[in-house]
Amino acid sequence: MKITVTSLCFFFFSVSGISQQEHSAFELEIAHHRTEYKADFLTNPRSPLRAADTSMLDFFPARKEWSIPAAFERTPEAKPFIMMTYSGQKRDYVQYGILSFSLNNQKHTLQIYQNLKLIQDSTYRDHLFLPFKDLSNGGETYGGGRYLDFRQSDIQNGILLLDFNRCYNPWCAYSDGYNCPIPPRENHLTFEIPAGERNFKGEKKH
């Protein structure tokens, strides 16, 4: 079959169009997630933010390259431990598994946990918690680190999608008086993650 310049151009623009559509769909998905995230502050009676405050929540632009598949390894023999909070309170957690992923040709790991008290509630029985720190903390992002939440069902065929576009600040970023877990040292990443929630643009409440 003879391949002409016209057919090559058609192929290029077709592929480019599909890529742009996928990117636009991803951006819309993240925008919807962030709208729901803001709305949740208004329905939670313990929320540190009011409606006007949510306009001062700030986020990095959605970027698909920060949605990274990670290999999941279950750690059923892990022992419960105490995770400290920034208020000095102690919380009981257990490591649920280890996540391994590659970025810029380097391998990294993160640990994912269960809150032993929270999973006694049927609503949160399958809840998984991933607190982490990265080199953007104290600059563009909250110095105390950020969080990701998952359900056990998010693990598919041994893979968990780490979408850092969805990472969020602990409530301690907005106000004193909350018991926000301190990300364990094992979850301190040695690179910046310019994705997800940025520093709060409003005044922290004391």
N, C-alpha and C. Protein backbone atom coordinates (compact mmCIF):
# COMPACT_ATOMS: atom_id res chain seq x y z
N MET A 1 0.86 -1.20 0.00
CA MET A 1 0.00 0.00 0.00
C MET A 1 0.89 1.24 0.00
N LYS A 2 0.57 2.17 -0.87
CA LYS A 2 1.36 3.39 -0.96
C LYS A 2 0.95 4.35 0.15
N ILE A 3 1.94 4.82 0.91
CA ILE A 3 1.68 5.78 1.99
C ILE A 3 2.01 7.17 1.49
N THR A 4 1.06 8.03 1.46
CA THR A 4 1.26 9.38 0.97
C THR A 4 1.44 10.35 2.13
N VAL A 5 1.91 11.54 1.80
CA VAL A 5 2.06 12.59 2.81
C VAL A 5 0.70 12.92 3.42
N THR A 6 -0.33 12.90 2.56
CA THR A 6 -1.68 13.22 3.04
C THR A 6 -2.14 12.21 4.08
N SER A 7 -1.89 10.90 3.79
CA SER A 7 -2.33 9.87 4.73
C SER A 7 -1.54 9.94 6.02
N LEU A 8 -0.25 10.28 5.93
CA LEU A 8 0.56 10.43 7.15
C LEU A 8 0.05 11.59 7.99
N CYS A 9 -0.28 12.68 7.34
CA CYS A 9 -0.81 13.85 8.07
C CYS A 9 -2.13 13.51 8.73
N PHE A 10 -2.97 12.78 8.01
CA PHE A 10 -4.27 12.37 8.57
C PHE A 10 -4.07 11.51 9.81
N PHE A 11 -3.11 10.55 9.72
CA PHE A 11 -2.82 9.68 10.86
C PHE A 11 -2.31 10.49 12.05
N PHE A 12 -1.40 11.43 11.77
CA PHE A 12 -0.83 12.23 12.85
C PHE A 12 -1.91 13.04 13.57
N PHE A 13 -2.74 13.71 12.79
CA PHE A 13 -3.76 14.56 13.41
C PHE A 13 -4.84 13.73 14.09
N SER A 14 -5.11 12.52 13.58
CA SER A 14 -6.07 11.64 14.23
C SER A 14 -5.56 11.20 15.60
N VAL A 15 -4.28 10.77 15.63
CA VAL A 15 -3.69 10.36 16.90
C VAL A 15 -3.62 11.54 17.87
N SER A 16 -3.20 12.71 17.34
CA SER A 16 -3.12 13.91 18.16
C SER A 16 -4.48 14.27 18.73
N GLY A 17 -5.53 14.13 17.91
CA GLY A 17 -6.88 14.44 18.36
C GLY A 17 -7.32 13.52 19.47
N ILE A 18 -7.02 12.23 19.34
CA ILE A 18 -7.37 11.27 20.39
C ILE A 18 -6.65 11.61 21.68
N SER A 19 -5.36 11.95 21.56
CA SER A 19 -4.56 12.30 22.73
C SER A 19 -5.13 13.52 23.44
N GLN A 20 -5.52 14.52 22.66
CA GLN A 20 -6.10 15.73 23.24
C GLN A 20 -7.43 15.44 23.92
N GLN A 21 -8.23 14.57 23.31
CA GLN A 21 -9.51 14.20 23.91
C GLN A 21 -9.31 13.49 25.24
N GLU A 22 -8.32 12.57 25.28
CA GLU A 22 -8.03 11.86 26.51
C GLU A 22 -7.57 12.83 27.59
N HIS A 23 -6.71 13.78 27.21
CA HIS A 23 -6.21 14.75 28.18
C HIS A 23 -7.34 15.63 28.70
N SER A 24 -8.23 16.07 27.79
CA SER A 24 -9.37 16.90 28.20
C SER A 24 -10.29 16.14 29.14
N ALA A 25 -10.52 14.85 28.85
CA ALA A 25 -11.37 14.04 29.71
C ALA A 25 -10.74 13.90 31.09
N PHE A 26 -9.42 13.74 31.13
CA PHE A 26 -8.72 13.62 32.41
C PHE A 26 -8.85 14.93 33.21
N GLU A 27 -8.67 16.06 32.54
CA GLU A 27 -8.80 17.35 33.21
C GLU A 27 -10.20 17.55 33.76
N LEU A 28 -11.21 17.15 33.00
CA LEU A 28 -12.59 17.26 33.47
C LEU A 28 -12.84 16.37 34.68
N GLU A 29 -12.25 15.18 34.66
CA GLU A 29 -12.40 14.26 35.78
C GLU A 29 -11.79 14.85 37.05
N ILE A 30 -10.61 15.44 36.95
CA ILE A 30 -9.96 16.04 38.11
C ILE A 30 -10.73 17.28 38.57
N ALA A 31 -11.24 18.07 37.63
CA ALA A 31 -12.03 19.25 37.98
C ALA A 31 -13.27 18.85 38.76
N HIS A 32 -13.92 17.77 38.33
CA HIS A 32 -15.10 17.27 39.04
C HIS A 32 -14.73 16.80 40.45
N HIS A 33 -13.61 16.10 40.55
CA HIS A 33 -13.14 15.63 41.86
C HIS A 33 -12.91 16.81 42.79
N ARG A 34 -12.31 17.88 42.29
CA ARG A 34 -12.00 19.04 43.13
C ARG A 34 -13.26 19.80 43.53
N THR A 35 -14.24 19.82 42.66
CA THR A 35 -15.53 20.44 43.02
C THR A 35 -16.18 19.68 44.17
N GLU A 36 -16.15 18.36 44.10
CA GLU A 36 -16.70 17.55 45.19
C GLU A 36 -15.88 17.71 46.47
N TYR A 37 -14.59 17.81 46.32
CA TYR A 37 -13.69 18.00 47.46
C TYR A 37 -14.05 19.28 48.22
N LYS A 38 -14.26 20.37 47.48
CA LYS A 38 -14.65 21.63 48.11
C LYS A 38 -16.02 21.52 48.78
N ALA A 39 -16.95 20.85 48.11
CA ALA A 39 -18.30 20.71 48.64
C ALA A 39 -18.31 19.93 49.95
N ASP A 40 -17.40 18.97 50.09
CA ASP A 40 -17.35 18.16 51.31
C ASP A 40 -17.06 19.01 52.54
N PHE A 41 -16.34 20.10 52.38
CA PHE A 41 -16.05 20.97 53.52
C PHE A 41 -17.34 21.59 54.07
N LEU A 42 -18.33 21.77 53.22
CA LEU A 42 -19.56 22.46 53.61
C LEU A 42 -20.58 21.53 54.25
N THR A 43 -20.37 20.22 54.14
CA THR A 43 -21.32 19.27 54.70
C THR A 43 -20.80 18.61 55.97
N ASN A 44 -19.52 18.77 56.25
CA ASN A 44 -18.94 18.15 57.44
C ASN A 44 -19.02 19.14 58.61
N PRO A 45 -19.68 18.76 59.69
CA PRO A 45 -19.84 19.69 60.82
C PRO A 45 -18.53 20.05 61.51
N ARG A 46 -17.49 19.24 61.31
CA ARG A 46 -16.20 19.51 61.94
C ARG A 46 -15.26 20.28 61.01
N SER A 47 -15.75 20.69 59.86
CA SER A 47 -14.91 21.30 58.84
C SER A 47 -14.24 22.59 59.34
N PRO A 48 -12.98 22.80 58.95
CA PRO A 48 -12.29 24.05 59.31
C PRO A 48 -12.61 25.21 58.37
N LEU A 49 -13.33 24.93 57.28
CA LEU A 49 -13.57 25.95 56.27
C LEU A 49 -15.05 26.24 56.08
N ARG A 50 -15.33 27.51 55.77
CA ARG A 50 -16.67 27.93 55.37
C ARG A 50 -16.69 28.09 53.85
N ALA A 51 -17.88 28.38 53.34
CA ALA A 51 -18.03 28.47 51.88
C ALA A 51 -17.06 29.47 51.27
N ALA A 52 -16.90 30.64 51.89
CA ALA A 52 -16.02 31.67 51.34
C ALA A 52 -14.56 31.21 51.33
N ASP A 53 -14.21 30.37 52.31
CA ASP A 53 -12.82 29.90 52.41
C ASP A 53 -12.44 28.98 51.25
N THR A 54 -13.41 28.25 50.73
CA THR A 54 -13.09 27.26 49.69
C THR A 54 -12.58 27.91 48.41
N SER A 55 -12.87 29.21 48.22
CA SER A 55 -12.36 29.90 47.04
C SER A 55 -10.85 30.12 47.15
N MET A 56 -10.30 29.93 48.35
CA MET A 56 -8.87 30.14 48.56
C MET A 56 -8.10 28.82 48.58
N LEU A 57 -8.79 27.72 48.29
CA LEU A 57 -8.09 26.45 48.06
C LEU A 57 -7.40 26.54 46.71
N ASP A 58 -6.20 26.03 46.63
CA ASP A 58 -5.40 26.20 45.42
C ASP A 58 -4.81 24.85 44.99
N PHE A 59 -4.74 24.63 43.68
CA PHE A 59 -4.29 23.35 43.16
C PHE A 59 -3.34 23.55 41.97
N PHE A 60 -2.45 22.59 41.80
CA PHE A 60 -1.66 22.54 40.59
C PHE A 60 -2.58 22.16 39.42
N PRO A 61 -2.24 22.57 38.21
CA PRO A 61 -3.01 22.10 37.05
C PRO A 61 -2.97 20.57 36.97
N ALA A 62 -4.06 19.99 36.51
CA ALA A 62 -4.13 18.52 36.38
C ALA A 62 -3.14 18.07 35.31
N ARG A 63 -2.31 17.11 35.68
CA ARG A 63 -1.31 16.58 34.74
C ARG A 63 -1.33 15.06 34.82
N LYS A 64 -1.59 14.44 33.69
CA LYS A 64 -1.76 12.99 33.66
C LYS A 64 -0.49 12.24 34.02
N GLU A 65 0.67 12.85 33.81
CA GLU A 65 1.92 12.15 34.14
C GLU A 65 2.09 11.93 35.64
N TRP A 66 1.27 12.62 36.46
CA TRP A 66 1.32 12.40 37.90
C TRP A 66 0.26 11.40 38.36
N SER A 67 -0.31 10.70 37.43
CA SER A 67 -1.19 9.56 37.72
C SER A 67 -0.39 8.30 37.40
N ILE A 68 0.18 7.70 38.43
CA ILE A 68 1.23 6.70 38.27
C ILE A 68 0.78 5.33 38.79
N PRO A 69 0.85 4.28 37.96
CA PRO A 69 0.51 2.94 38.45
C PRO A 69 1.61 2.42 39.37
N ALA A 70 1.19 1.84 40.49
CA ALA A 70 2.14 1.28 41.46
C ALA A 70 1.80 -0.17 41.73
N ALA A 71 2.83 -1.00 41.80
CA ALA A 71 2.64 -2.41 42.14
C ALA A 71 2.37 -2.51 43.64
N PHE A 72 1.33 -3.26 43.98
CA PHE A 72 0.92 -3.40 45.39
C PHE A 72 1.34 -4.76 45.94
N GLU A 73 1.95 -4.72 47.13
CA GLU A 73 2.31 -5.94 47.84
C GLU A 73 1.66 -5.91 49.21
N ARG A 74 0.80 -6.87 49.46
CA ARG A 74 0.11 -6.97 50.76
C ARG A 74 1.09 -7.39 51.84
N THR A 75 0.94 -6.79 53.05
CA THR A 75 1.80 -7.12 54.18
C THR A 75 0.94 -7.55 55.38
N PRO A 76 0.34 -8.72 55.29
CA PRO A 76 -0.62 -9.16 56.33
C PRO A 76 0.02 -9.41 57.69
N GLU A 77 1.34 -9.59 57.75
CA GLU A 77 2.00 -9.87 59.02
C GLU A 77 2.48 -8.61 59.72
N ALA A 78 2.21 -7.45 59.15
CA ALA A 78 2.66 -6.20 59.76
C ALA A 78 2.05 -6.00 61.14
N LYS A 79 2.83 -5.45 62.04
CA LYS A 79 2.38 -5.22 63.41
C LYS A 79 1.80 -3.81 63.54
N PRO A 80 0.76 -3.65 64.36
CA PRO A 80 0.22 -2.31 64.61
C PRO A 80 1.29 -1.39 65.21
N PHE A 81 1.17 -0.11 64.93
CA PHE A 81 2.12 0.86 65.46
C PHE A 81 1.40 2.17 65.72
N ILE A 82 2.07 3.07 66.41
CA ILE A 82 1.49 4.38 66.72
C ILE A 82 2.00 5.41 65.72
N MET A 83 1.08 6.09 65.08
CA MET A 83 1.41 7.21 64.20
C MET A 83 1.09 8.50 64.96
N MET A 84 2.08 9.31 65.17
CA MET A 84 1.87 10.56 65.90
C MET A 84 1.14 11.57 65.02
N THR A 85 0.47 12.52 65.67
CA THR A 85 -0.19 13.61 64.96
C THR A 85 0.52 14.92 65.32
N TYR A 86 0.25 15.95 64.54
CA TYR A 86 0.90 17.24 64.79
C TYR A 86 0.41 17.89 66.07
N SER A 87 -0.69 17.43 66.61
CA SER A 87 -1.18 17.96 67.89
C SER A 87 -0.59 17.22 69.08
N GLY A 88 0.17 16.16 68.81
CA GLY A 88 0.76 15.38 69.89
C GLY A 88 -0.06 14.15 70.27
N GLN A 89 -1.24 13.99 69.64
CA GLN A 89 -2.06 12.81 69.90
C GLN A 89 -1.48 11.59 69.18
N LYS A 90 -1.83 10.42 69.69
CA LYS A 90 -1.35 9.17 69.10
C LYS A 90 -2.52 8.44 68.43
N ARG A 91 -2.24 7.83 67.30
CA ARG A 91 -3.27 7.08 66.59
C ARG A 91 -2.71 5.71 66.22
N ASP A 92 -3.56 4.68 66.34
CA ASP A 92 -3.14 3.31 66.05
C ASP A 92 -3.38 2.97 64.58
N TYR A 93 -2.31 2.57 63.92
CA TYR A 93 -2.36 2.19 62.51
C TYR A 93 -1.67 0.85 62.31
N VAL A 94 -1.91 0.27 61.15
CA VAL A 94 -1.17 -0.92 60.73
C VAL A 94 -0.86 -0.77 59.25
N GLN A 95 0.32 -1.21 58.87
CA GLN A 95 0.68 -1.18 57.45
C GLN A 95 -0.16 -2.22 56.72
N TYR A 96 -0.84 -1.79 55.65
CA TYR A 96 -1.66 -2.69 54.86
C TYR A 96 -0.86 -3.27 53.69
N GLY A 97 0.05 -2.47 53.18
CA GLY A 97 0.84 -2.95 52.05
C GLY A 97 1.91 -1.96 51.65
N ILE A 98 2.70 -2.36 50.66
CA ILE A 98 3.78 -1.53 50.13
C ILE A 98 3.53 -1.31 48.64
N LEU A 99 3.71 -0.07 48.22
CA LEU A 99 3.52 0.31 46.83
C LEU A 99 4.88 0.62 46.20
N SER A 100 5.13 0.06 45.03
CA SER A 100 6.38 0.29 44.31
C SER A 100 6.07 0.90 42.95
N PHE A 101 6.77 1.98 42.62
CA PHE A 101 6.54 2.63 41.33
C PHE A 101 7.84 3.22 40.81
N SER A 102 7.86 3.52 39.53
CA SER A 102 9.04 4.10 38.89
C SER A 102 8.73 5.50 38.40
N LEU A 103 9.70 6.37 38.57
CA LEU A 103 9.58 7.75 38.09
C LEU A 103 10.97 8.21 37.67
N ASN A 104 11.06 8.69 36.43
CA ASN A 104 12.34 9.14 35.89
C ASN A 104 13.42 8.06 36.02
N ASN A 105 13.01 6.84 35.71
CA ASN A 105 13.92 5.68 35.71
C ASN A 105 14.48 5.34 37.09
N GLN A 106 13.80 5.80 38.13
CA GLN A 106 14.19 5.45 39.49
C GLN A 106 13.01 4.79 40.19
N LYS A 107 13.31 3.80 41.01
CA LYS A 107 12.26 3.10 41.74
C LYS A 107 12.03 3.73 43.11
N HIS A 108 10.76 3.78 43.50
CA HIS A 108 10.38 4.38 44.78
C HIS A 108 9.33 3.49 45.45
N THR A 109 9.23 3.61 46.75
CA THR A 109 8.21 2.87 47.48
C THR A 109 7.47 3.80 48.43
N LEU A 110 6.23 3.47 48.69
CA LEU A 110 5.41 4.14 49.69
C LEU A 110 4.65 3.07 50.46
N GLN A 111 4.40 3.36 51.72
CA GLN A 111 3.62 2.44 52.53
C GLN A 111 2.19 2.97 52.67
N ILE A 112 1.23 2.06 52.66
CA ILE A 112 -0.17 2.43 52.77
C ILE A 112 -0.74 1.76 54.02
N TYR A 113 -1.63 2.47 54.73
CA TYR A 113 -2.01 2.07 56.08
C TYR A 113 -3.53 1.96 56.27
N GLN A 114 -3.88 1.32 57.39
CA GLN A 114 -5.25 1.32 57.88
C GLN A 114 -5.26 1.90 59.28
N ASN A 115 -6.24 2.76 59.55
CA ASN A 115 -6.47 3.28 60.89
C ASN A 115 -7.29 2.24 61.65
N LEU A 116 -6.75 1.68 62.73
CA LEU A 116 -7.39 0.55 63.39
C LEU A 116 -8.72 0.91 64.04
N LYS A 117 -8.88 2.16 64.42
CA LYS A 117 -10.17 2.59 64.98
C LYS A 117 -11.18 2.85 63.86
N LEU A 118 -10.73 3.50 62.83
CA LEU A 118 -11.64 3.89 61.75
C LEU A 118 -12.25 2.68 61.05
N ILE A 119 -11.47 1.62 60.86
CA ILE A 119 -11.98 0.46 60.11
C ILE A 119 -13.00 -0.35 60.91
N GLN A 120 -13.22 0.01 62.16
CA GLN A 120 -14.29 -0.63 62.93
C GLN A 120 -15.66 -0.10 62.52
N ASP A 121 -15.67 1.05 61.87
CA ASP A 121 -16.89 1.63 61.31
C ASP A 121 -17.12 0.99 59.94
N SER A 122 -18.29 0.44 59.73
CA SER A 122 -18.57 -0.27 58.47
C SER A 122 -18.39 0.62 57.24
N THR A 123 -18.59 1.92 57.40
CA THR A 123 -18.43 2.84 56.28
C THR A 123 -16.99 2.92 55.81
N TYR A 124 -16.06 2.72 56.74
CA TYR A 124 -14.64 2.89 56.43
C TYR A 124 -13.85 1.59 56.57
N ARG A 125 -14.53 0.47 56.58
CA ARG A 125 -13.86 -0.81 56.81
C ARG A 125 -12.79 -1.10 55.78
N ASP A 126 -13.00 -0.64 54.55
CA ASP A 126 -12.01 -0.90 53.49
C ASP A 126 -11.18 0.33 53.14
N HIS A 127 -11.17 1.31 54.03
CA HIS A 127 -10.45 2.56 53.78
C HIS A 127 -8.94 2.36 53.93
N LEU A 128 -8.19 2.93 53.01
CA LEU A 128 -6.73 2.89 53.04
C LEU A 128 -6.20 4.32 53.00
N PHE A 129 -5.13 4.55 53.76
CA PHE A 129 -4.61 5.90 53.99
C PHE A 129 -3.14 5.97 53.60
N LEU A 130 -2.81 6.98 52.79
CA LEU A 130 -1.42 7.15 52.34
C LEU A 130 -0.97 8.58 52.63
N PRO A 131 -0.33 8.80 53.77
CA PRO A 131 0.26 10.12 54.05
C PRO A 131 1.69 10.15 53.50
N PHE A 132 2.11 11.28 52.95
CA PHE A 132 3.47 11.35 52.40
C PHE A 132 4.00 12.78 52.47
N LYS A 133 5.30 12.88 52.38
CA LYS A 133 5.96 14.17 52.24
C LYS A 133 6.82 14.13 50.99
N ASP A 134 7.06 15.31 50.40
CA ASP A 134 7.94 15.41 49.24
C ASP A 134 8.66 16.75 49.30
N LEU A 135 9.55 16.99 48.38
CA LEU A 135 10.40 18.18 48.46
C LEU A 135 9.69 19.49 48.14
N SER A 136 8.41 19.42 47.76
CA SER A 136 7.65 20.66 47.57
C SER A 136 7.10 21.20 48.88
N ASN A 137 7.11 20.38 49.94
CA ASN A 137 6.57 20.79 51.23
C ASN A 137 7.37 21.95 51.82
N GLY A 138 6.65 22.94 52.32
CA GLY A 138 7.31 24.11 52.86
C GLY A 138 7.58 25.17 51.81
N GLY A 139 7.37 24.83 50.54
CA GLY A 139 7.49 25.78 49.44
C GLY A 139 6.11 26.03 48.86
N GLU A 140 5.83 25.31 47.76
CA GLU A 140 4.52 25.48 47.13
C GLU A 140 3.42 24.71 47.84
N THR A 141 3.79 23.73 48.66
CA THR A 141 2.77 22.92 49.33
C THR A 141 2.96 22.94 50.84
N TYR A 142 1.94 22.48 51.53
CA TYR A 142 1.91 22.51 52.99
C TYR A 142 3.11 21.77 53.58
N GLY A 143 3.76 22.39 54.56
CA GLY A 143 4.97 21.84 55.14
C GLY A 143 4.79 20.52 55.85
N GLY A 144 3.57 20.24 56.29
CA GLY A 144 3.32 19.01 57.04
C GLY A 144 3.04 17.79 56.20
N GLY A 145 3.13 17.93 54.87
CA GLY A 145 2.86 16.80 54.00
C GLY A 145 1.43 16.80 53.49
N ARG A 146 1.11 15.81 52.67
CA ARG A 146 -0.23 15.70 52.09
C ARG A 146 -0.68 14.25 52.15
N TYR A 147 -1.96 14.03 51.80
CA TYR A 147 -2.56 12.71 51.96
C TYR A 147 -3.23 12.25 50.67
N LEU A 148 -3.37 10.93 50.56
CA LEU A 148 -4.22 10.29 49.55
C LEU A 148 -5.07 9.24 50.25
N ASP A 149 -6.30 9.08 49.78
CA ASP A 149 -7.21 8.06 50.33
C ASP A 149 -7.59 7.07 49.24
N PHE A 150 -7.79 5.82 49.66
CA PHE A 150 -8.20 4.77 48.72
C PHE A 150 -9.17 3.82 49.39
N ARG A 151 -9.79 2.99 48.56
CA ARG A 151 -10.54 1.83 49.02
C ARG A 151 -9.78 0.58 48.59
N GLN A 152 -9.98 -0.50 49.30
CA GLN A 152 -9.30 -1.74 48.92
C GLN A 152 -9.66 -2.14 47.49
N SER A 153 -10.87 -1.81 47.08
CA SER A 153 -11.31 -2.17 45.72
C SER A 153 -10.57 -1.38 44.64
N ASP A 154 -9.85 -0.32 45.03
CA ASP A 154 -9.07 0.43 44.06
C ASP A 154 -7.86 -0.37 43.58
N ILE A 155 -7.49 -1.40 44.31
CA ILE A 155 -6.38 -2.25 43.91
C ILE A 155 -6.91 -3.28 42.91
N GLN A 156 -6.44 -3.19 41.69
CA GLN A 156 -6.92 -4.06 40.62
C GLN A 156 -5.74 -4.83 40.01
N ASN A 157 -5.82 -6.16 40.08
CA ASN A 157 -4.77 -7.01 39.51
C ASN A 157 -3.38 -6.66 40.03
N GLY A 158 -3.33 -6.35 41.32
CA GLY A 158 -2.05 -6.05 41.95
C GLY A 158 -1.50 -4.67 41.65
N ILE A 159 -2.35 -3.78 41.11
CA ILE A 159 -1.93 -2.42 40.77
C ILE A 159 -2.85 -1.40 41.45
N LEU A 160 -2.24 -0.38 42.02
CA LEU A 160 -3.00 0.75 42.58
C LEU A 160 -2.54 2.01 41.86
N LEU A 161 -3.47 2.77 41.32
CA LEU A 161 -3.14 3.98 40.60
C LEU A 161 -2.93 5.12 41.60
N LEU A 162 -1.69 5.60 41.68
CA LEU A 162 -1.37 6.74 42.55
C LEU A 162 -1.60 8.02 41.76
N ASP A 163 -2.76 8.60 41.92
CA ASP A 163 -3.06 9.84 41.21
C ASP A 163 -2.76 11.00 42.15
N PHE A 164 -1.56 11.52 42.04
CA PHE A 164 -1.15 12.62 42.92
C PHE A 164 -1.91 13.91 42.62
N ASN A 165 -2.61 13.97 41.51
CA ASN A 165 -3.49 15.12 41.25
C ASN A 165 -4.60 15.22 42.29
N ARG A 166 -4.86 14.13 43.00
CA ARG A 166 -5.92 14.08 43.99
C ARG A 166 -5.41 14.22 45.43
N CYS A 167 -4.10 14.41 45.60
CA CYS A 167 -3.61 14.51 46.98
C CYS A 167 -4.08 15.83 47.60
N TYR A 168 -4.27 15.81 48.90
CA TYR A 168 -4.90 16.94 49.57
C TYR A 168 -4.19 17.27 50.88
N ASN A 169 -4.46 18.46 51.38
CA ASN A 169 -3.86 18.91 52.63
C ASN A 169 -4.61 18.35 53.84
N PRO A 170 -3.88 18.08 54.92
CA PRO A 170 -4.56 17.79 56.19
C PRO A 170 -5.25 19.05 56.69
N TRP A 171 -6.25 18.89 57.52
CA TRP A 171 -6.99 20.05 58.03
C TRP A 171 -6.11 20.98 58.86
N CYS A 172 -4.99 20.48 59.36
CA CYS A 172 -4.06 21.32 60.10
C CYS A 172 -3.50 22.44 59.24
N ALA A 173 -3.60 22.31 57.93
CA ALA A 173 -3.13 23.36 57.03
C ALA A 173 -4.02 24.60 57.10
N TYR A 174 -5.25 24.42 57.57
CA TYR A 174 -6.22 25.50 57.59
C TYR A 174 -6.49 26.05 58.98
N SER A 175 -6.31 25.21 60.00
CA SER A 175 -6.69 25.62 61.34
C SER A 175 -6.00 24.78 62.39
N ASP A 176 -5.75 25.36 63.54
CA ASP A 176 -5.30 24.58 64.69
C ASP A 176 -6.48 23.77 65.24
N GLY A 177 -6.17 22.82 66.12
CA GLY A 177 -7.24 22.08 66.79
C GLY A 177 -7.59 20.75 66.17
N TYR A 178 -6.79 20.29 65.21
CA TYR A 178 -7.06 19.00 64.57
C TYR A 178 -5.89 18.05 64.79
N ASN A 179 -6.20 16.77 64.77
CA ASN A 179 -5.19 15.73 64.99
C ASN A 179 -4.79 15.12 63.65
N CYS A 180 -3.83 15.74 63.00
CA CYS A 180 -3.43 15.33 61.66
C CYS A 180 -2.21 14.41 61.72
N PRO A 181 -2.31 13.20 61.20
CA PRO A 181 -1.17 12.28 61.24
C PRO A 181 0.07 12.83 60.55
N ILE A 182 1.21 12.56 61.17
CA ILE A 182 2.50 12.95 60.60
C ILE A 182 2.96 11.82 59.67
N PRO A 183 3.22 12.11 58.40
CA PRO A 183 3.68 11.05 57.49
C PRO A 183 4.94 10.38 58.02
N PRO A 184 4.93 9.05 58.16
CA PRO A 184 6.12 8.33 58.64
C PRO A 184 7.31 8.55 57.72
N ARG A 185 8.50 8.42 58.28
CA ARG A 185 9.73 8.67 57.53
C ARG A 185 9.80 7.81 56.27
N GLU A 186 9.26 6.61 56.33
CA GLU A 186 9.29 5.71 55.17
C GLU A 186 8.55 6.30 53.97
N ASN A 187 7.70 7.27 54.22
CA ASN A 187 6.92 7.89 53.14
C ASN A 187 7.40 9.30 52.82
N HIS A 188 8.68 9.58 53.10
CA HIS A 188 9.27 10.86 52.72
C HIS A 188 9.97 10.68 51.38
N LEU A 189 9.40 11.27 50.34
CA LEU A 189 9.96 11.14 49.00
C LEU A 189 11.07 12.16 48.77
N THR A 190 12.03 11.80 47.95
CA THR A 190 13.21 12.63 47.75
C THR A 190 13.13 13.47 46.47
N PHE A 191 11.92 13.75 46.03
CA PHE A 191 11.71 14.60 44.86
C PHE A 191 10.44 15.39 45.05
N GLU A 192 10.23 16.39 44.22
CA GLU A 192 9.04 17.22 44.32
C GLU A 192 7.87 16.58 43.57
N ILE A 193 6.69 16.78 44.12
CA ILE A 193 5.46 16.36 43.43
C ILE A 193 4.62 17.61 43.19
N PRO A 194 4.79 18.26 42.03
CA PRO A 194 4.02 19.46 41.72
C PRO A 194 2.63 19.09 41.18
N ALA A 195 1.86 18.45 42.03
CA ALA A 195 0.53 17.98 41.65
C ALA A 195 -0.35 17.99 42.89
N GLY A 196 -1.66 18.07 42.67
CA GLY A 196 -2.59 18.04 43.80
C GLY A 196 -2.73 19.41 44.44
N GLU A 197 -3.00 19.42 45.73
CA GLU A 197 -3.31 20.67 46.43
C GLU A 197 -2.05 21.44 46.80
N ARG A 198 -2.12 22.75 46.56
CA ARG A 198 -1.07 23.67 46.94
C ARG A 198 -1.35 24.24 48.35
N ASN A 199 -0.50 25.18 48.76
CA ASN A 199 -0.73 25.89 50.01
C ASN A 199 -2.07 26.62 49.99
N PHE A 200 -2.73 26.66 51.12
CA PHE A 200 -3.97 27.41 51.30
C PHE A 200 -3.65 28.91 51.17
N LYS A 201 -4.44 29.61 50.35
CA LYS A 201 -4.19 31.04 50.12
C LYS A 201 -4.81 31.93 51.18
N GLY A 202 -5.63 31.36 52.07
CA GLY A 202 -6.23 32.14 53.13
C GLY A 202 -5.38 32.17 54.39
N GLU A 203 -5.90 32.78 55.43
CA GLU A 203 -5.21 32.84 56.72
C GLU A 203 -5.56 31.59 57.54
N LYS A 204 -4.52 30.99 58.10
CA LYS A 204 -4.76 29.85 58.98
C LYS A 204 -5.43 30.32 60.27
N LYS A 205 -6.42 29.56 60.73
CA LYS A 205 -7.17 29.95 61.93
C LYS A 205 -6.49 29.38 63.18
N HIS A 206 -6.44 30.18 64.22
CA HIS A 206 -5.80 29.76 65.47
C HIS A 206 -6.82 29.80 66.61
